[in-house]
C-alpha atoms as a PDB file:
ATOM      1  CA  MET A   1     -99.794   1.039 -63.497  1.00  0.00           C
ATOM      2  CA  GLU A   2     -96.153   0.825 -62.633  1.00  0.00           C
ATOM      3  CA  GLN A   3     -96.444  -2.942 -61.972  1.00  0.00           C
ATOM      4  CA  SER A   4     -98.239  -3.551 -65.281  1.00  0.00           C
ATOM      5  CA  THR A   5     -95.639  -1.477 -67.148  1.00  0.00           C
ATOM      6  CA  THR A   6     -92.831  -3.424 -65.497  1.00  0.00           C
ATOM      7  CA  ALA A   7     -94.456  -6.763 -66.345  1.00  0.00           C
ATOM      8  CA  THR A   8     -94.986  -5.672 -69.952  1.00  0.00           C
ATOM      9  CA  SER A   9     -91.372  -4.563 -70.339  1.00  0.00           C
ATOM     10  CA  SER A  10     -90.076  -7.800 -68.823  1.00  0.00           C
ATOM     11  CA  LYS A  11     -92.225  -9.832 -71.242  1.00  0.00           C
ATOM     12  CA  THR A  12     -90.914  -7.750 -74.146  1.00  0.00           C
ATOM     13  CA  THR A  13     -87.342  -8.278 -72.986  1.00  0.00           C
ATOM     14  CA  SER A  14     -87.783 -12.027 -72.595  1.00  0.00           C
ATOM     15  CA  THR A  15     -89.447 -12.225 -76.011  1.00  0.00           C
ATOM     16  CA  ASN A  16     -86.621 -10.378 -77.778  1.00  0.00           C
ATOM     17  CA  THR A  17     -83.873 -12.459 -76.130  1.00  0.00           C
ATOM     18  CA  PRO A  18     -82.650 -15.164 -78.596  1.00  0.00           C
ATOM     19  CA  GLN A  19     -83.203 -18.678 -77.392  1.00  0.00           C
ATOM     20  CA  VAL A  20     -79.997 -20.728 -77.104  1.00  0.00           C
ATOM     21  CA  VAL A  21     -80.602 -24.337 -78.128  1.00  0.00           C
ATOM     22  CA  LYS A  22     -78.357 -26.694 -76.219  1.00  0.00           C
ATOM     23  CA  ARG A  23     -77.242 -29.683 -78.240  1.00  0.00           C
ATOM     24  CA  ARG A  24     -76.464 -32.972 -76.699  1.00  0.00           C
ATOM     25  CA  PRO A  25     -72.787 -33.856 -76.773  1.00  0.00           C
ATOM     26  CA  ALA A  26     -71.987 -36.444 -79.407  1.00  0.00           C
ATOM     27  CA  THR A  27     -71.522 -39.911 -77.988  1.00  0.00           C
ATOM     28  CA  GLY A  28     -70.549 -43.328 -79.257  1.00  0.00           C
ATOM     29  CA  ILE A  29     -69.272 -43.877 -82.780  1.00  0.00           C
ATOM     30  CA  TRP A  30     -70.545 -40.541 -84.094  1.00  0.00           C
ATOM     31  CA  LYS A  31     -68.320 -38.660 -81.651  1.00  0.00           C
ATOM     32  CA  ASP A  32     -65.214 -39.982 -83.418  1.00  0.00           C
ATOM     33  CA  HIS A  33     -66.763 -40.730 -86.803  1.00  0.00           C
ATOM     34  CA  GLN A  34     -63.824 -39.189 -88.685  1.00  0.00           C
ATOM     35  CA  LEU A  35     -61.388 -41.583 -87.029  1.00  0.00           C
ATOM     36  CA  TYR A  36     -63.644 -44.536 -87.780  1.00  0.00           C
ATOM     37  CA  PHE A  37     -63.842 -43.374 -91.391  1.00  0.00           C
ATOM     38  CA  LEU A  38     -60.035 -43.495 -91.604  1.00  0.00           C
ATOM     39  CA  LEU A  39     -60.181 -47.114 -90.436  1.00  0.00           C
ATOM     40  CA  LEU A  40     -62.320 -48.219 -93.389  1.00  0.00           C
ATOM     41  CA  LEU A  41     -59.412 -48.635 -95.804  1.00  0.00           C
ATOM     42  CA  PRO A  42     -57.168 -50.774 -93.525  1.00  0.00           C
ATOM     43  CA  ILE A  43     -60.193 -52.829 -92.419  1.00  0.00           C
ATOM     44  CA  ALA A  44     -61.106 -53.443 -96.069  1.00  0.00           C
ATOM     45  CA  TYR A  45     -57.482 -54.448 -96.745  1.00  0.00           C
ATOM     46  CA  PHE A  46     -57.455 -57.056 -93.959  1.00  0.00           C
ATOM     47  CA  ILE A  47     -60.856 -58.428 -94.946  1.00  0.00           C
ATOM     48  CA  LEU A  48     -59.946 -58.778 -98.627  1.00  0.00           C
ATOM     49  CA  PHE A  49     -56.364 -59.993 -98.327  1.00  0.00           C
ATOM     50  CA  LYS A  50     -56.258 -61.717 -94.922  1.00  0.00           C
ATOM     51  CA  TYR A  51     -59.686 -63.124 -94.072  1.00  0.00           C
ATOM     52  CA  VAL A  52     -61.209 -63.895 -97.482  1.00  0.00           C
ATOM     53  CA  PRO A  53     -58.170 -66.022 -98.537  1.00  0.00           C
ATOM     54  CA  MET A  54     -58.757 -68.212 -95.464  1.00  0.00           C
ATOM     55  CA  TYR A  55     -61.440 -69.896 -97.546  1.00  0.00           C
ATOM     56  CA  GLY A  56     -58.613 -71.315 -99.658  1.00  0.00           C
ATOM     57  CA  ALA A  57     -57.101 -73.085 -96.631  1.00  0.00           C
ATOM     58  CA  ALA A  58     -59.595 -75.869 -97.349  1.00  0.00           C
ATOM     59  CA  ILE A  59     -57.349 -76.896-100.250  1.00  0.00           C
ATOM     60  CA  ALA A  60     -54.966 -78.420 -97.687  1.00  0.00           C
ATOM     61  CA  PHE A  61     -57.587 -81.072 -96.957  1.00  0.00           C
ATOM     62  CA  GLN A  62     -58.528 -81.765-100.585  1.00  0.00           C
ATOM     63  CA  ASP A  63     -57.177 -83.388-103.695  1.00  0.00           C
ATOM     64  CA  TYR A  64     -57.467 -79.996-105.300  1.00  0.00           C
ATOM     65  CA  SER A  65     -58.129 -79.545-109.008  1.00  0.00           C
ATOM     66  CA  ILE A  66     -58.065 -76.105-110.614  1.00  0.00           C
ATOM     67  CA  PHE A  67     -60.841 -77.253-112.961  1.00  0.00           C
ATOM     68  CA  LYS A  68     -63.192 -78.345-110.158  1.00  0.00           C
ATOM     69  CA  GLY A  69     -62.361 -75.545-107.732  1.00  0.00           C
ATOM     70  CA  VAL A  70     -62.537 -75.609-103.948  1.00  0.00           C
ATOM     71  CA  SER A  71     -66.209 -76.566-103.826  1.00  0.00           C
ATOM     72  CA  GLY A  72     -65.888 -79.414-106.333  1.00  0.00           C
ATOM     73  CA  SER A  73     -62.566 -81.011-105.325  1.00  0.00           C
ATOM     74  CA  GLU A  74     -62.496 -84.289-103.397  1.00  0.00           C
ATOM     75  CA  TRP A  75     -61.937 -84.152 -99.630  1.00  0.00           C
ATOM     76  CA  ILE A  76     -59.079 -86.397 -98.470  1.00  0.00           C
ATOM     77  CA  GLY A  77     -58.655 -85.304 -94.839  1.00  0.00           C
ATOM     78  CA  PHE A  78     -55.088 -85.150 -93.520  1.00  0.00           C
ATOM     79  CA  GLU A  79     -53.539 -87.088 -96.397  1.00  0.00           C
ATOM     80  CA  ASN A  80     -51.619 -84.049 -97.646  1.00  0.00           C
ATOM     81  CA  PHE A  81     -50.104 -83.510 -94.211  1.00  0.00           C
ATOM     82  CA  ARG A  82     -49.051 -87.180 -94.003  1.00  0.00           C
ATOM     83  CA  GLU A  83     -47.356 -86.880 -97.382  1.00  0.00           C
ATOM     84  CA  LEU A  84     -45.727 -83.617 -96.322  1.00  0.00           C
ATOM     85  CA  PHE A  85     -44.348 -84.996 -93.053  1.00  0.00           C
ATOM     86  CA  ALA A  86     -43.013 -88.058 -94.883  1.00  0.00           C
ATOM     87  CA  MET A  87     -40.828 -85.936 -97.171  1.00  0.00           C
ATOM     88  CA  SER A  88     -37.185 -85.536 -96.154  1.00  0.00           C
ATOM     89  CA  GLN A  89     -37.119 -82.126 -97.838  1.00  0.00           C
ATOM     90  CA  PHE A  90     -39.820 -80.920 -95.437  1.00  0.00           C
ATOM     91  CA  TYR A  91     -37.522 -81.210 -92.424  1.00  0.00           C
ATOM     92  CA  GLU A  92     -34.678 -79.542 -94.303  1.00  0.00           C
ATOM     93  CA  VAL A  93     -36.710 -76.460 -95.230  1.00  0.00           C
ATOM     94  CA  VAL A  94     -38.177 -76.215 -91.704  1.00  0.00           C
ATOM     95  CA  ARG A  95     -34.673 -76.429 -90.221  1.00  0.00           C
ATOM     96  CA  ASN A  96     -33.347 -73.767 -92.599  1.00  0.00           C
ATOM     97  CA  THR A  97     -36.313 -71.478 -91.923  1.00  0.00           C
ATOM     98  CA  LEU A  98     -35.841 -71.757 -88.164  1.00  0.00           C
ATOM     99  CA  LEU A  99     -32.077 -71.315 -88.476  1.00  0.00           C
ATOM    100  CA  LEU A 100     -32.247 -68.170 -90.614  1.00  0.00           C
ATOM    101  CA  ASN A 101     -35.030 -66.617 -88.532  1.00  0.00           C
ATOM    102  CA  LEU A 102     -33.299 -67.366 -85.230  1.00  0.00           C
ATOM    103  CA  LEU A 103     -30.061 -65.833 -86.503  1.00  0.00           C
ATOM    104  CA  ASP A 104     -32.032 -62.820 -87.723  1.00  0.00           C
ATOM    105  CA  LEU A 105     -33.610 -62.601 -84.275  1.00  0.00           C
ATOM    106  CA  VAL A 106     -30.205 -62.666 -82.572  1.00  0.00           C
ATOM    107  CA  PHE A 107     -28.420 -60.219 -84.873  1.00  0.00           C
ATOM    108  CA  SER A 108     -31.078 -58.187 -86.739  1.00  0.00           C
ATOM    109  CA  PHE A 109     -33.495 -57.606 -83.854  1.00  0.00           C
ATOM    110  CA  PRO A 110     -31.056 -55.649 -81.604  1.00  0.00           C
ATOM    111  CA  ALA A 111     -29.704 -53.600 -84.537  1.00  0.00           C
ATOM    112  CA  PRO A 112     -32.557 -51.020 -84.740  1.00  0.00           C
ATOM    113  CA  ILE A 113     -32.551 -50.661 -80.937  1.00  0.00           C
ATOM    114  CA  ILE A 114     -28.823 -49.865 -80.883  1.00  0.00           C
ATOM    115  CA  LEU A 115     -29.237 -47.566 -83.884  1.00  0.00           C
ATOM    116  CA  ALA A 116     -32.122 -45.695 -82.236  1.00  0.00           C
ATOM    117  CA  LEU A 117     -30.069 -45.209 -79.052  1.00  0.00           C
ATOM    118  CA  LEU A 118     -27.166 -43.817 -81.071  1.00  0.00           C
ATOM    119  CA  LEU A 119     -29.400 -41.496 -83.117  1.00  0.00           C
ATOM    120  CA  ASN A 120     -31.060 -40.288 -79.931  1.00  0.00           C
ATOM    121  CA  GLU A 121     -27.681 -39.111 -78.628  1.00  0.00           C
ATOM    122  CA  LEU A 122     -26.962 -36.911 -81.651  1.00  0.00           C
ATOM    123  CA  ARG A 123     -27.277 -33.202 -80.881  1.00  0.00           C
ATOM    124  CA  VAL A 124     -26.618 -31.723 -84.351  1.00  0.00           C
ATOM    125  CA  MET A 125     -30.115 -31.834 -85.843  1.00  0.00           C
ATOM    126  CA  TRP A 126     -29.194 -31.511 -89.530  1.00  0.00           C
ATOM    127  CA  PHE A 127     -26.757 -34.419 -89.223  1.00  0.00           C
ATOM    128  CA  LYS A 128     -29.315 -36.481 -87.297  1.00  0.00           C
ATOM    129  CA  LYS A 129     -32.017 -35.973 -89.937  1.00  0.00           C
ATOM    130  CA  THR A 130     -29.597 -36.713 -92.773  1.00  0.00           C
ATOM    131  CA  ALA A 131     -28.426 -39.905 -91.054  1.00  0.00           C
ATOM    132  CA  GLN A 132     -32.020 -41.041 -90.484  1.00  0.00           C
ATOM    133  CA  THR A 133     -32.918 -40.476 -94.134  1.00  0.00           C
ATOM    134  CA  LEU A 134     -29.898 -42.421 -95.382  1.00  0.00           C
ATOM    135  CA  LEU A 135     -30.644 -45.265 -92.977  1.00  0.00           C
ATOM    136  CA  TYR A 136     -34.297 -45.479 -94.092  1.00  0.00           C
ATOM    137  CA  LEU A 137     -33.522 -45.652 -97.814  1.00  0.00           C
ATOM    138  CA  PRO A 138     -32.489 -49.365 -98.046  1.00  0.00           C
ATOM    139  CA  HIS A 139     -35.975 -50.373 -96.860  1.00  0.00           C
ATOM    140  CA  PHE A 140     -37.455 -49.024-100.098  1.00  0.00           C
ATOM    141  CA  ILE A 141     -35.054 -50.883-102.384  1.00  0.00           C
ATOM    142  CA  SER A 142     -36.400 -54.055-103.990  1.00  0.00           C
ATOM    143  CA  TRP A 143     -34.694 -57.326-103.062  1.00  0.00           C
ATOM    144  CA  ILE A 144     -34.113 -57.886-106.774  1.00  0.00           C
ATOM    145  CA  ILE A 145     -31.962 -54.759-106.875  1.00  0.00           C
ATOM    146  CA  ILE A 146     -30.302 -55.664-103.568  1.00  0.00           C
ATOM    147  CA  GLY A 147     -29.506 -59.110-104.952  1.00  0.00           C
ATOM    148  CA  GLY A 148     -27.826 -57.513-107.972  1.00  0.00           C
ATOM    149  CA  LEU A 149     -25.813 -55.219-105.695  1.00  0.00           C
ATOM    150  CA  VAL A 150     -24.738 -58.170-103.545  1.00  0.00           C
ATOM    151  CA  TYR A 151     -23.630 -60.080-106.626  1.00  0.00           C
ATOM    152  CA  GLN A 152     -21.627 -57.109-107.887  1.00  0.00           C
ATOM    153  CA  MET A 153     -20.014 -56.671-104.472  1.00  0.00           C
ATOM    154  CA  PHE A 154     -19.274 -60.269-103.439  1.00  0.00           C
ATOM    155  CA  SER A 155     -19.048 -62.298-106.645  1.00  0.00           C
ATOM    156  CA  ASN A 156     -16.064 -64.649-106.809  1.00  0.00           C
ATOM    157  CA  SER A 157     -15.039 -63.303-110.189  1.00  0.00           C
ATOM    158  CA  GLY A 158     -15.284 -59.582-110.703  1.00  0.00           C
ATOM    159  CA  GLY A 159     -16.842 -58.722-107.354  1.00  0.00           C
ATOM    160  CA  LEU A 160     -15.647 -55.440-105.857  1.00  0.00           C
ATOM    161  CA  VAL A 161     -14.728 -56.949-102.476  1.00  0.00           C
ATOM    162  CA  ASN A 162     -12.851 -59.906-103.979  1.00  0.00           C
ATOM    163  CA  ASN A 163     -11.035 -57.592-106.386  1.00  0.00           C
ATOM    164  CA  MET A 164      -9.767 -55.623-103.408  1.00  0.00           C
ATOM    165  CA  ILE A 165      -8.768 -58.829-101.585  1.00  0.00           C
ATOM    166  CA  THR A 166      -6.883 -60.263-104.556  1.00  0.00           C
ATOM    167  CA  SER A 167      -5.167 -56.914-105.214  1.00  0.00           C
ATOM    168  CA  LEU A 168      -3.693 -57.202-101.709  1.00  0.00           C
ATOM    169  CA  GLY A 169      -2.237 -60.617-102.588  1.00  0.00           C
ATOM    170  CA  PHE A 170      -4.819 -62.850-100.882  1.00  0.00           C
ATOM    171  CA  ASP A 171      -7.061 -65.535-102.356  1.00  0.00           C
ATOM    172  CA  SER A 172     -10.629 -64.621-103.246  1.00  0.00           C
ATOM    173  CA  VAL A 173     -13.295 -65.515-100.688  1.00  0.00           C
ATOM    174  CA  PRO A 174     -16.309 -67.591-101.868  1.00  0.00           C
ATOM    175  CA  PHE A 175     -18.901 -65.297-100.322  1.00  0.00           C
ATOM    176  CA  LEU A 176     -21.799 -66.544-102.456  1.00  0.00           C
ATOM    177  CA  THR A 177     -20.796 -70.150-103.153  1.00  0.00           C
ATOM    178  CA  GLU A 178     -19.753 -71.458 -99.721  1.00  0.00           C
ATOM    179  CA  LYS A 179     -22.649 -71.829 -97.294  1.00  0.00           C
ATOM    180  CA  ASN A 180     -21.005 -70.370 -94.159  1.00  0.00           C
ATOM    181  CA  HIS A 181     -19.757 -67.291 -95.997  1.00  0.00           C
ATOM    182  CA  TRP A 182     -23.133 -66.997 -97.734  1.00  0.00           C
ATOM    183  CA  LEU A 183     -24.838 -67.043 -94.339  1.00  0.00           C
ATOM    184  CA  LEU A 184     -22.754 -64.067 -93.176  1.00  0.00           C
ATOM    185  CA  VAL A 185     -23.607 -62.129 -96.349  1.00  0.00           C
ATOM    186  CA  TYR A 186     -27.299 -63.041 -95.941  1.00  0.00           C
ATOM    187  CA  LEU A 187     -27.434 -61.788 -92.347  1.00  0.00           C
ATOM    188  CA  GLY A 188     -25.406 -58.648 -93.042  1.00  0.00           C
ATOM    189  CA  THR A 189     -27.598 -57.715 -95.993  1.00  0.00           C
ATOM    190  CA  GLY A 190     -30.737 -58.201 -93.905  1.00  0.00           C
ATOM    191  CA  ILE A 191     -29.412 -55.927 -91.145  1.00  0.00           C
ATOM    192  CA  TRP A 192     -28.453 -53.250 -93.667  1.00  0.00           C
ATOM    193  CA  GLN A 193     -31.866 -53.392 -95.335  1.00  0.00           C
ATOM    194  CA  SER A 194     -34.112 -53.408 -92.233  1.00  0.00           C
ATOM    195  CA  ALA A 195     -32.253 -51.786 -89.317  1.00  0.00           C
ATOM    196  CA  GLY A 196     -32.844 -48.177 -90.351  1.00  0.00           C
ATOM    197  CA  TRP A 197     -36.575 -48.625 -90.898  1.00  0.00           C
ATOM    198  CA  GLY A 198     -36.958 -50.447 -87.578  1.00  0.00           C
ATOM    199  CA  THR A 199     -35.559 -47.454 -85.683  1.00  0.00           C
ATOM    200  CA  ILE A 200     -38.742 -45.453 -86.410  1.00  0.00           C
ATOM    201  CA  ILE A 201     -40.730 -47.356 -83.777  1.00  0.00           C
ATOM    202  CA  TYR A 202     -38.032 -47.075 -81.125  1.00  0.00           C
ATOM    203  CA  LEU A 203     -37.380 -43.386 -81.813  1.00  0.00           C
ATOM    204  CA  ALA A 204     -41.111 -42.767 -81.368  1.00  0.00           C
ATOM    205  CA  ALA A 205     -41.018 -44.683 -78.076  1.00  0.00           C
ATOM    206  CA  LEU A 206     -38.046 -42.597 -76.911  1.00  0.00           C
ATOM    207  CA  THR A 207     -40.088 -39.399 -77.214  1.00  0.00           C
ATOM    208  CA  GLY A 208     -42.403 -40.666 -74.450  1.00  0.00           C
ATOM    209  CA  ILE A 209     -39.652 -40.816 -71.810  1.00  0.00           C
ATOM    210  CA  ASN A 210     -39.894 -38.073 -69.191  1.00  0.00           C
ATOM    211  CA  LYS A 211     -37.098 -35.538 -69.761  1.00  0.00           C
ATOM    212  CA  GLU A 212     -36.974 -34.760 -66.042  1.00  0.00           C
ATOM    213  CA  LEU A 213     -35.448 -38.193 -65.453  1.00  0.00           C
ATOM    214  CA  TYR A 214     -32.441 -37.212 -67.569  1.00  0.00           C
ATOM    215  CA  GLU A 215     -32.123 -33.893 -65.750  1.00  0.00           C
ATOM    216  CA  ALA A 216     -32.212 -35.634 -62.377  1.00  0.00           C
ATOM    217  CA  SER A 217     -29.595 -38.141 -63.511  1.00  0.00           C
ATOM    218  CA  GLU A 218     -27.303 -35.301 -64.610  1.00  0.00           C
ATOM    219  CA  VAL A 219     -27.544 -33.823 -61.131  1.00  0.00           C
ATOM    220  CA  ASP A 220     -26.488 -37.208 -59.757  1.00  0.00           C
ATOM    221  CA  GLY A 221     -23.510 -37.219 -62.129  1.00  0.00           C
ATOM    222  CA  ALA A 222     -24.661 -39.929 -64.553  1.00  0.00           C
ATOM    223  CA  GLY A 223     -22.945 -40.074 -67.936  1.00  0.00           C
ATOM    224  CA  ARG A 224     -24.493 -40.928 -71.307  1.00  0.00           C
ATOM    225  CA  LEU A 225     -23.973 -44.670 -70.991  1.00  0.00           C
ATOM    226  CA  LYS A 226     -25.569 -44.789 -67.552  1.00  0.00           C
ATOM    227  CA  LYS A 227     -28.500 -42.739 -68.820  1.00  0.00           C
ATOM    228  CA  MET A 228     -28.988 -45.240 -71.644  1.00  0.00           C
ATOM    229  CA  TRP A 229     -28.846 -48.230 -69.302  1.00  0.00           C
ATOM    230  CA  HIS A 230     -30.919 -46.899 -66.408  1.00  0.00           C
ATOM    231  CA  ILE A 231     -33.390 -44.563 -68.149  1.00  0.00           C
ATOM    232  CA  THR A 232     -33.602 -45.029 -71.923  1.00  0.00           C
ATOM    233  CA  LEU A 233     -33.695 -48.821 -72.122  1.00  0.00           C
ATOM    234  CA  PRO A 234     -36.209 -49.257 -69.244  1.00  0.00           C
ATOM    235  CA  GLY A 235     -38.315 -46.520 -70.853  1.00  0.00           C
ATOM    236  CA  ILE A 236     -38.707 -48.450 -74.122  1.00  0.00           C
ATOM    237  CA  ARG A 237     -38.723 -51.926 -72.580  1.00  0.00           C
ATOM    238  CA  SER A 238     -42.443 -52.472 -73.194  1.00  0.00           C
ATOM    239  CA  THR A 239     -41.987 -51.565 -76.869  1.00  0.00           C
ATOM    240  CA  ILE A 240     -39.063 -53.965 -77.161  1.00  0.00           C
ATOM    241  CA  VAL A 241     -41.144 -56.776 -75.625  1.00  0.00           C
ATOM    242  CA  VAL A 242     -44.062 -56.188 -78.004  1.00  0.00           C
ATOM    243  CA  MET A 243     -41.736 -56.148 -81.029  1.00  0.00           C
ATOM    244  CA  LEU A 244     -40.028 -59.315 -79.789  1.00  0.00           C
ATOM    245  CA  ILE A 245     -43.369 -61.117 -79.439  1.00  0.00           C
ATOM    246  CA  MET A 246     -44.326 -60.091 -82.973  1.00  0.00           C
ATOM    247  CA  GLN A 247     -40.930 -61.235 -84.260  1.00  0.00           C
ATOM    248  CA  LEU A 248     -41.367 -64.613 -82.572  1.00  0.00           C
ATOM    249  CA  GLY A 249     -44.746 -64.918 -84.280  1.00  0.00           C
ATOM    250  CA  HIS A 250     -42.899 -64.834 -87.616  1.00  0.00           C
ATOM    251  CA  ILE A 251     -40.286 -67.388 -86.566  1.00  0.00           C
ATOM    252  CA  MET A 252     -41.684 -69.870 -89.095  1.00  0.00           C
ATOM    253  CA  THR A 253     -42.502 -67.217 -91.693  1.00  0.00           C
ATOM    254  CA  ILE A 254     -39.769 -66.039 -93.991  1.00  0.00           C
ATOM    255  CA  GLY A 255     -39.979 -63.722 -96.960  1.00  0.00           C
ATOM    256  CA  PHE A 256     -39.707 -65.261-100.395  1.00  0.00           C
ATOM    257  CA  GLU A 257     -37.599 -62.622-102.164  1.00  0.00           C
ATOM    258  CA  ARG A 258     -34.527 -62.560 -99.925  1.00  0.00           C
ATOM    259  CA  PRO A 259     -33.580 -66.280 -99.894  1.00  0.00           C
ATOM    260  CA  PHE A 260     -34.760 -66.780-103.471  1.00  0.00           C
ATOM    261  CA  VAL A 261     -32.716 -63.907-104.927  1.00  0.00           C
ATOM    262  CA  MET A 262     -29.602 -64.489-102.833  1.00  0.00           C
ATOM    263  CA  GLY A 263     -29.676 -68.293-102.875  1.00  0.00           C
ATOM    264  CA  ASN A 264     -28.237 -70.699-105.445  1.00  0.00           C
ATOM    265  CA  ASP A 265     -27.730 -74.441-105.863  1.00  0.00           C
ATOM    266  CA  LEU A 266     -24.318 -74.358-104.150  1.00  0.00           C
ATOM    267  CA  VAL A 267     -25.787 -73.036-100.886  1.00  0.00           C
ATOM    268  CA  LYS A 268     -29.228 -74.672-100.962  1.00  0.00           C
ATOM    269  CA  ASP A 269     -28.399 -76.452 -97.682  1.00  0.00           C
ATOM    270  CA  TYR A 270     -29.160 -73.069 -96.089  1.00  0.00           C
ATOM    271  CA  SER A 271     -31.098 -71.112 -98.719  1.00  0.00           C
ATOM    272  CA  GLU A 272     -33.931 -73.609 -99.320  1.00  0.00           C
ATOM    273  CA  VAL A 273     -36.704 -72.458 -96.955  1.00  0.00           C
ATOM    274  CA  ILE A 274     -40.466 -72.866 -96.599  1.00  0.00           C
ATOM    275  CA  SER A 275     -41.368 -69.974 -98.899  1.00  0.00           C
ATOM    276  CA  THR A 276     -39.187 -71.262-101.742  1.00  0.00           C
ATOM    277  CA  PHE A 277     -40.517 -74.801-101.168  1.00  0.00           C
ATOM    278  CA  VAL A 278     -44.117 -73.537-101.449  1.00  0.00           C
ATOM    279  CA  TYR A 279     -43.210 -71.662-104.639  1.00  0.00           C
ATOM    280  CA  LYS A 280     -41.615 -74.700-106.251  1.00  0.00           C
ATOM    281  CA  ALA A 281     -44.267 -77.172-105.072  1.00  0.00           C
ATOM    282  CA  GLY A 282     -47.282 -74.931-105.677  1.00  0.00           C
ATOM    283  CA  LEU A 283     -46.416 -73.016-108.837  1.00  0.00           C
ATOM    284  CA  GLN A 284     -43.681 -74.966-110.590  1.00  0.00           C
ATOM    285  CA  SER A 285     -44.969 -78.485-109.791  1.00  0.00           C
ATOM    286  CA  ALA A 286     -48.702 -77.582-109.506  1.00  0.00           C
ATOM    287  CA  GLN A 287     -48.991 -79.415-106.158  1.00  0.00           C
ATOM    288  CA  PHE A 288     -51.430 -76.857-104.781  1.00  0.00           C
ATOM    289  CA  SER A 289     -52.771 -79.004-101.956  1.00  0.00           C
ATOM    290  CA  LEU A 290     -49.276 -79.850-100.684  1.00  0.00           C
ATOM    291  CA  ALA A 291     -48.180 -76.210-100.812  1.00  0.00           C
ATOM    292  CA  THR A 292     -51.317 -75.099 -98.953  1.00  0.00           C
ATOM    293  CA  ALA A 293     -50.737 -77.749 -96.285  1.00  0.00           C
ATOM    294  CA  MET A 294     -47.233 -76.396 -95.767  1.00  0.00           C
ATOM    295  CA  GLY A 295     -48.547 -72.833 -95.489  1.00  0.00           C
ATOM    296  CA  LEU A 296     -51.209 -73.880 -92.971  1.00  0.00           C
ATOM    297  CA  PHE A 297     -48.636 -75.739 -90.879  1.00  0.00           C
ATOM    298  CA  GLN A 298     -46.420 -72.651 -90.971  1.00  0.00           C
ATOM    299  CA  ALA A 299     -49.276 -70.406 -89.772  1.00  0.00           C
ATOM    300  CA  LEU A 300     -50.218 -72.738 -86.905  1.00  0.00           C
ATOM    301  CA  VAL A 301     -46.640 -72.909 -85.622  1.00  0.00           C
ATOM    302  CA  GLY A 302     -46.416 -69.105 -85.785  1.00  0.00           C
ATOM    303  CA  LEU A 303     -49.643 -68.829 -83.769  1.00  0.00           C
ATOM    304  CA  VAL A 304     -48.243 -71.168 -81.107  1.00  0.00           C
ATOM    305  CA  PHE A 305     -45.089 -69.054 -80.827  1.00  0.00           C
ATOM    306  CA  VAL A 306     -47.099 -65.826 -80.464  1.00  0.00           C
ATOM    307  CA  VAL A 307     -49.366 -67.228 -77.730  1.00  0.00           C
ATOM    308  CA  ALA A 308     -46.454 -68.802 -75.842  1.00  0.00           C
ATOM    309  CA  SER A 309     -44.217 -65.721 -75.998  1.00  0.00           C
ATOM    310  CA  ASN A 310     -47.093 -63.449 -74.957  1.00  0.00           C
ATOM    311  CA  ALA A 311     -47.832 -65.690 -71.956  1.00  0.00           C
ATOM    312  CA  ILE A 312     -44.154 -65.682 -70.940  1.00  0.00           C
ATOM    313  CA  ALA A 313     -43.992 -61.883 -71.238  1.00  0.00           C
ATOM    314  CA  LYS A 314     -47.043 -61.473 -68.993  1.00  0.00           C
ATOM    315  CA  LYS A 315     -45.572 -63.909 -66.486  1.00  0.00           C
ATOM    316  CA  PHE A 316     -42.551 -61.617 -66.155  1.00  0.00           C
ATOM    317  CA  GLY A 317     -44.767 -58.588 -65.574  1.00  0.00           C
ATOM    318  CA  GLU A 318     -44.837 -57.113 -69.082  1.00  0.00           C
ATOM    319  CA  GLN A 319     -47.979 -55.906 -70.806  1.00  0.00           C
ATOM    320  CA  GLY A 320     -47.854 -58.188 -73.846  1.00  0.00           C
ATOM    321  CA  ILE A 321     -49.980 -57.656 -76.951  1.00  0.00           C
ATOM    322  CA  TRP A 322     -53.374 -58.616 -75.499  1.00  0.00           C
END
């Protein structure tokens, strides 16, 4: 009787105990489905505005007519490229594009790195945040507005800087009408507009450096400059290399607004670049095939620079971008 009572009570207990259903852990895409969902918008952007327009690259090999479209226009092979390479203006705009981008690489590329190092050394947080905000602001100003500011500042007649120079008894400086002075204004304006925004990436990279390295260096008696040279810069070296490779990939690509707004006929020996050439040939002269051929040539040269710079970076032991 006792055994049967015990068996009955154990059955009752096991029956009343709630069954816990073990679910399989999520795997694959469903595990991180929220992150994949966030990717939909940028993926759609690249498909619509980067990959779909590649269909239009066929215009470079056609005698394109806006009435016939891409599918109906006559194919002429590499004739547009032969005509492009035969133009003297082609070599001028390529030279100017390379010149301005190389100078930007030399002067504008180190600017955000230096700025990030200086901001990283600030200890007063309210001043640091205020300085960062003020440095970021020029990035959000249109080049049209910046061009107007530059004209008001450096114009030969009525410009603020030249008014100050002439008030001191000196001759006015042709900042915007003499090509060498214009080049200095062009580079300085570019640094002012982009340096603050570029510091975001390097400041983020600085947060990944182990703080114990700084503490150990203090024990060894290292000052701020030695910490920068031996700890901070090596800590963000991989980021600098990746940004340099990406910058080299744009060595033949130059924005349209900056040279177009700041340039004029007196300095066209420097201000006439590929983007302005494509604008004038494609939109003003309706030479769509020629403009597309120039754009395709520009993209291919940029691809060569990216592959070559990435290979060189890997050869020197850096990670590269792929």
